[in-house]
Protein backbone atom coordinates (compact mmCIF):
# COMPACT_ATOMS: atom_id res chain seq x y z
CA MET A 1 135.06 122.17 -3.68
CA ARG A 2 134.22 120.05 -0.82
CA HIS A 3 136.39 116.94 0.17
CA VAL A 4 134.89 113.89 0.00
CA ARG A 5 135.79 111.23 2.66
CA GLU A 6 136.15 108.13 1.30
CA ALA A 7 134.76 105.09 3.03
CA GLU A 8 136.02 103.10 5.88
CA GLU A 9 137.62 99.73 4.71
CA GLU A 10 137.87 96.70 7.15
CA CYS A 11 141.39 95.00 7.46
CA GLU A 12 142.09 91.72 8.82
CA ILE A 13 144.71 91.67 11.78
CA THR A 14 147.63 89.31 12.33
CA VAL A 15 149.53 88.85 15.44
CA GLN A 16 153.34 88.64 15.50
CA ALA A 17 154.25 87.69 19.15
CA GLY A 18 157.68 88.06 20.85
CA LEU A 19 159.48 91.00 23.26
CA ARG A 20 156.55 92.91 22.01
CA THR A 21 153.14 92.13 20.63
CA PHE A 22 152.60 93.63 17.02
CA TYR A 23 149.10 93.59 15.42
CA VAL A 24 149.93 93.86 11.61
CA CYS A 25 147.20 94.81 8.95
CA GLU A 26 148.33 94.33 5.41
CA HIS A 27 146.50 96.63 2.66
CA ASP A 28 147.80 96.53 -1.23
CA ASP A 29 146.12 99.98 -1.82
CA VAL A 30 148.96 102.27 -0.38
CA ILE A 31 149.08 106.21 -1.76
CA LEU A 32 151.51 108.44 -1.11
CA PHE A 33 151.42 112.09 0.03
CA ASN A 34 147.78 111.70 1.54
CA ASP A 35 146.83 111.19 4.92
CA LEU A 36 145.68 107.57 6.44
CA ASN A 37 143.21 107.61 9.09
CA VAL A 38 143.37 104.51 11.11
CA TYR A 39 140.82 103.28 13.42
CA VAL A 40 141.01 100.54 15.94
CA ARG A 41 137.58 99.49 16.96
CA ASP A 42 135.94 96.63 19.21
CA LYS A 43 134.85 94.66 17.01
CA ALA A 44 131.80 93.01 19.05
CA THR A 45 130.88 96.73 19.93
CA ASN A 46 131.95 98.99 17.56
CA ARG A 47 133.75 100.75 19.90
CA LEU A 48 136.62 103.17 18.86
CA LEU A 49 139.78 102.20 21.10
CA ARG A 50 142.19 104.12 19.06
CA SER A 51 142.63 106.52 16.26
CA ARG A 52 145.80 108.11 14.25
CA LYS A 53 146.27 110.08 11.55
CA LEU A 54 149.43 109.09 9.46
CA GLU A 55 151.39 111.09 6.43
CA LEU A 56 152.32 107.60 4.77
CA GLU A 57 155.31 108.75 3.02
CA LEU A 58 157.30 109.25 6.69
CA PHE A 59 156.72 105.70 6.98
CA VAL A 60 157.80 104.04 3.90
CA ILE A 61 161.05 102.26 4.02
CA ILE A 62 162.90 102.95 0.80
CA PRO A 63 164.97 100.53 -0.85
CA GLY A 64 168.78 101.24 -0.56
CA PRO A 65 170.75 102.81 -3.38
CA TYR A 66 172.70 100.48 -5.67
CA ASN A 67 175.78 100.31 -7.99
CA LEU A 68 177.74 102.10 -5.35
CA HIS A 69 181.30 103.38 -6.57
CA VAL A 70 184.32 105.30 -5.20
CA VAL A 71 186.75 107.00 -7.23
CA TRP A 72 189.73 108.98 -5.89
CA GLU A 73 190.27 112.05 -7.80
CA GLU A 74 193.44 113.38 -8.25
CA ASP A 75 192.71 117.05 -8.79
CA SER A 76 191.28 117.48 -5.36
CA ASP A 77 193.12 114.54 -4.10
CA ARG A 78 189.95 113.28 -2.37
CA PHE A 79 187.70 110.22 -3.02
CA ARG A 80 184.03 110.64 -4.99
CA VAL A 81 181.47 108.40 -4.02
CA THR A 82 178.48 107.74 -6.59
CA TRP A 83 175.52 105.72 -6.59
CA LYS A 84 172.25 104.96 -8.56
CA PRO A 85 169.02 105.90 -6.66
CA PRO A 86 166.07 103.65 -5.95
CA GLU A 87 163.96 102.94 -9.09
CA LEU A 88 161.18 104.77 -8.02
CA ASP A 89 159.63 108.18 -9.88
CA VAL A 90 159.87 110.13 -6.53
CA SER A 91 163.48 109.89 -6.58
CA PHE A 92 164.00 113.54 -6.59
CA MET A 93 162.57 113.83 -3.22
CA PHE A 94 164.83 111.76 -1.37
CA LYS A 95 168.04 112.55 0.52
CA TYR A 96 170.96 110.09 1.34
CA GLU A 97 173.42 109.63 4.25
CA VAL A 98 176.94 108.33 3.18
CA GLN A 99 178.49 106.72 6.12
CA PHE A 100 182.39 105.86 6.06
CA TRP A 101 184.99 104.48 8.83
CA SER A 102 188.23 102.67 9.11
CA HIS A 103 189.60 100.45 12.06
CA GLU A 104 191.11 103.65 13.23
CA GLU A 105 188.67 106.24 13.48
CA GLU A 106 184.59 106.19 14.40
CA ARG A 107 181.77 106.33 11.74
CA GLN A 108 181.28 109.56 10.14
CA SER A 109 178.54 110.74 8.02
CA VAL A 110 177.50 112.97 5.30
CA VAL A 111 174.00 113.83 4.35
CA VAL A 112 173.18 115.42 0.77
CA ARG A 113 170.27 116.38 -0.71
CA ASP A 114 169.00 115.98 -4.73
CA VAL A 115 172.18 114.82 -5.62
CA LYS A 116 174.00 111.26 -6.11
CA GLU A 117 177.71 111.79 -5.17
CA VAL A 118 179.35 113.26 -3.04
CA LEU A 119 183.08 114.18 -2.21
CA LEU A 120 184.32 112.67 0.85
CA PRO A 121 186.56 114.83 3.21
CA GLN A 122 190.38 114.48 3.39
CA LEU A 123 191.21 110.94 4.72
CA LYS A 124 194.07 109.56 6.72
CA PRO A 125 196.98 108.02 4.60
CA PHE A 126 196.94 104.15 3.84
CA LEU A 127 194.03 103.11 5.78
CA LEU A 128 191.43 100.86 4.83
CA TYR A 129 188.12 102.20 4.94
CA HIS A 130 184.62 101.05 4.61
CA VAL A 131 181.52 103.41 2.38
CA ARG A 132 178.00 102.51 2.41
CA VAL A 133 174.80 104.93 1.71
CA ARG A 134 171.31 104.64 2.65
CA THR A 135 167.82 106.48 1.34
CA SER A 136 165.17 108.60 2.77
CA TRP A 137 162.46 111.20 2.08
CA ASP A 138 163.80 114.91 2.35
CA GLY A 139 161.07 116.68 3.94
CA GLU A 140 160.82 118.84 7.17
CA LYS A 141 159.50 115.95 9.39
CA PRO A 142 161.49 113.27 10.05
CA SER A 143 161.19 110.11 8.09
CA ILE A 144 162.26 106.43 8.31
CA TRP A 145 166.01 105.70 6.88
CA GLY A 146 165.99 102.56 4.68
CA PRO A 147 168.74 99.82 4.60
CA TRP A 148 172.30 100.55 3.85
CA SER A 149 173.44 100.11 0.57
CA GLU A 150 176.37 96.90 0.49
CA GLU A 151 179.72 98.46 1.71
CA VAL A 152 182.76 99.20 -0.64
CA THR A 153 186.38 99.48 0.34
CA LEU A 154 189.27 101.97 -0.70
CA THR A 155 192.37 102.48 0.65
CA SER A 156 193.31 106.26 1.27
CA VAL A 157 196.35 107.93 -0.57
CA ALA A 158 199.54 109.06 1.10
CA SER A 159 201.43 112.27 -0.06
CA ALA A 160 204.48 111.27 -2.35
CA GLU A 161 206.37 113.70 -0.15
CA THR A 162 206.39 111.09 2.65
CA ILE A 163 208.65 108.81 0.47
CA GLY A 164 211.13 111.78 -0.62
CA PHE A 165 209.14 111.32 -4.35
CA ARG A 166 211.10 114.11 -6.51
CA CYS A 167 210.70 114.75 -10.32
CA PHE A 168 212.81 116.96 -12.27
CA THR A 169 214.17 117.86 -15.61
CA SER A 170 217.50 118.99 -16.57
CA ASP A 171 217.36 119.22 -20.32
CA LEU A 172 213.32 120.36 -20.63
CA ALA A 173 212.96 117.19 -22.72
CA GLN A 174 213.10 114.41 -20.19
CA VAL A 175 211.34 114.31 -16.94
CA CYS A 176 213.44 112.20 -14.32
CA CYS A 177 211.38 110.91 -11.18
CA ARG A 178 213.36 109.45 -7.92
CA TRP A 179 212.38 108.24 -4.62
CA GLU A 180 213.60 107.12 -1.27
CA GLU A 181 213.94 103.34 -1.54
CA GLU A 182 214.94 102.85 1.84
CA VAL A 183 211.77 104.60 3.06
CA LEU A 184 209.46 102.86 0.73
CA ASP A 185 210.45 99.26 1.51
CA ALA A 186 208.47 98.00 -1.58
CA SER A 187 208.35 94.53 -3.12
CA TYR A 188 206.48 95.87 -6.09
CA LEU A 189 205.56 99.09 -7.49
CA GLU A 190 204.39 101.00 -10.71
CA VAL A 191 204.91 104.57 -11.67
CA HIS A 192 202.20 106.47 -13.94
CA TYR A 193 202.20 109.89 -15.51
CA LYS A 194 199.62 111.87 -17.03
CA TYR A 195 199.27 115.53 -18.67
CA GLY A 196 196.37 117.70 -17.77
CA GLN A 197 193.60 117.26 -15.47
CA ASP A 198 190.99 115.82 -17.47
CA SER A 199 189.37 112.74 -16.30
CA ALA A 200 189.54 111.42 -19.76
CA SER A 201 193.24 111.93 -19.59
CA THR A 202 195.54 108.53 -19.96
CA TRP A 203 197.59 107.12 -17.32
CA ARG A 204 200.75 105.85 -18.70
CA PRO A 205 203.56 103.97 -17.13
CA CYS A 206 206.96 105.76 -16.60
CA GLN A 207 209.33 103.47 -17.43
CA TYR A 208 213.50 103.00 -16.45
CA SER A 209 215.74 104.31 -18.74
CA ALA A 210 219.26 102.93 -18.91
CA GLN A 211 220.48 106.60 -20.15
CA HIS A 212 219.52 108.08 -17.12
CA LYS A 213 220.88 105.87 -14.32
CA ASP A 214 220.10 108.72 -11.45
CA CYS A 215 216.50 108.11 -12.41
CA HIS A 216 214.24 105.56 -11.26
CA CYS A 217 212.09 106.30 -14.33
CA VAL A 218 211.91 108.85 -16.93
CA PHE A 219 208.81 110.16 -19.17
CA PRO A 220 208.78 112.92 -22.16
CA ALA A 221 208.56 116.40 -20.79
CA ARG A 222 205.64 118.88 -22.01
CA ASN A 223 205.30 122.54 -21.52
CA ASP A 224 201.54 123.24 -22.56
CA SER A 225 199.91 121.41 -19.50
CA SER A 226 200.54 120.34 -16.33
CA THR A 227 201.62 117.02 -15.41
CA SER A 228 200.37 114.46 -12.49
CA VAL A 229 202.59 111.44 -11.22
CA LYS A 230 201.25 108.51 -8.75
CA LEU A 231 203.18 105.51 -7.46
CA ASN A 232 201.42 102.29 -6.59
CA VAL A 233 203.42 100.24 -4.25
CA THR A 234 202.93 96.64 -2.53
CA SER A 235 205.11 96.42 0.69
CA VAL A 236 207.57 93.50 1.46
CA VAL A 237 204.70 92.76 3.91
CA GLY A 238 201.86 92.23 1.20
CA LYS A 239 200.14 96.07 2.18
CA CYS A 240 199.19 98.11 -0.85
CA GLY A 241 199.22 101.85 -1.28
CA LEU A 242 199.00 104.84 -3.43
CA TYR A 243 201.53 107.64 -3.35
CA TYR A 244 200.39 110.96 -5.29
CA ASN A 245 202.36 113.79 -6.67
CA SER A 246 200.34 117.08 -6.85
CA PRO A 247 199.94 118.13 -10.41
CA PHE A 248 203.04 120.37 -11.61
CA TRP A 249 204.02 122.30 -14.73
CA ILE A 250 207.31 121.71 -16.54
CA ASN A 251 208.78 125.15 -15.34
CA HIS A 252 208.38 124.32 -11.75
CA ILE A 253 210.81 121.44 -11.89
CA VAL A 254 213.73 122.67 -13.68
CA LYS A 255 217.03 121.23 -12.36
CA PRO A 256 219.51 122.90 -14.46
CA PRO A 257 223.19 121.06 -14.87
CA ALA A 258 226.40 122.83 -13.16
CA PRO A 259 227.77 125.89 -15.38
CA GLU A 260 230.90 125.31 -16.71
CA LEU A 261 232.99 127.52 -14.29
CA HIS A 262 236.22 129.39 -15.37
CA VAL A 263 238.51 131.07 -12.81
CA HIS A 264 241.07 133.83 -13.68
CA GLN A 265 243.53 134.69 -11.26
CA LEU A 266 243.75 138.78 -11.65
CA PRO A 267 246.37 141.20 -10.27
CA GLY A 268 245.81 142.48 -6.76
CA ASN A 269 244.64 138.96 -4.96
CA THR A 270 241.33 139.20 -7.16
CA LEU A 271 239.61 136.36 -9.00
CA ALA A 272 237.58 136.82 -12.12
CA LEU A 273 234.69 134.00 -12.59
CA ASN A 274 233.01 133.24 -15.73
CA TRP A 275 230.60 130.67 -17.07
CA SER A 276 228.15 129.97 -19.63
CA SER A 277 224.36 129.11 -19.15
CA PRO A 278 224.23 125.28 -18.68
CA MET A 279 220.79 125.56 -20.69
CA PRO A 280 220.79 128.27 -23.23
CA GLY A 281 217.15 128.07 -24.00
CA ILE A 282 215.77 129.60 -21.05
CA ARG A 283 218.96 131.63 -20.24
CA THR A 284 217.11 134.82 -19.21
CA GLN A 285 214.94 133.06 -16.53
CA LEU A 286 217.75 131.53 -14.78
CA ILE A 287 219.52 132.51 -11.29
CA TYR A 288 223.05 131.87 -10.19
CA GLN A 289 224.28 131.01 -6.98
CA ILE A 290 228.00 131.34 -6.16
CA ARG A 291 229.67 130.14 -3.04
CA PHE A 292 233.28 130.18 -1.87
CA SER A 293 235.43 129.07 1.21
CA THR A 294 238.44 130.33 2.80
CA ASP A 295 239.13 127.36 4.94
CA LYS A 296 239.32 124.67 2.90
CA GLY A 297 235.54 123.89 2.60
CA LYS A 298 234.98 123.62 6.32
CA SER A 299 232.25 126.84 6.19
CA TRP A 300 230.96 128.80 3.04
CA THR A 301 229.75 132.08 2.07
CA VAL A 302 226.74 132.05 -0.23
CA LYS A 303 225.70 134.82 -2.93
CA TYR A 304 223.25 135.00 -5.69
CA GLN A 305 224.12 136.88 -9.02
CA LEU A 306 221.15 137.01 -11.48
CA LEU A 307 223.44 138.06 -14.46
CA GLU A 308 224.67 135.25 -16.74
CA LYS A 309 228.60 136.54 -15.98
CA LEU A 310 230.49 138.16 -13.08
CA GLY A 311 233.79 139.08 -12.78
CA LYS A 312 235.32 139.84 -9.46
């Protein structure tokens, strides 16, 4: 089938003067994915001065994405950026550039195709980051990037280990959480926990308990799922931040009470040591450490014993 060439149409020219002079031709009939042949002629003589073939999609300025959101995902310990694409029928042909930076770092970019979200790399803790996104055609030839979306900000997360944040259980019923107050130096803080790693899981407040005076907060223990804990802090100088403790299972944080020790003197300058399990429910899974000193506690000899009782 022969291709029928469309008739040429004239376009009125306007001039925009400045540092450079632009000759502007406005036309309402724009068809993408078709070559557009442009001819510049001398109107008096009809002499051809210039000509150019354009692939219009390479020159279209696509509107920026909208509804930009940044959410911290505790399971990956990273931030996920999501957005809505421009409302065009060909949005499946877009690519996106996600740009992020802080006052301590240069601007970094990630380019993604055929998706509407990206997981940012690990960020330096406790910095204010800015994030924005823009759109372009996803093709082999370079095209024009559209305008940036509105910026959103986030404060990066710090590891709970930096403030000596620890959670443990001594009875398999309650989890006790503590941190180093002098390191934290907080004027206001909130501790939350949740069971499981599902994004729909509910964060619940970790409460202070007068029955556990050595704990900053306490919550019920569960052995059927992992547990996550986070600490939101406002420092005395007004700086906000988030500390996060990686998910753990209850059997990883067991801190048994000290066993009740009985010492008996035997003939031959020998001592017999006996004790009972401090946690009978998991007695077969406990390891005991024995230490003794012959110089009034200045130095200690340490031994490990796997049995529940030892006579020596």
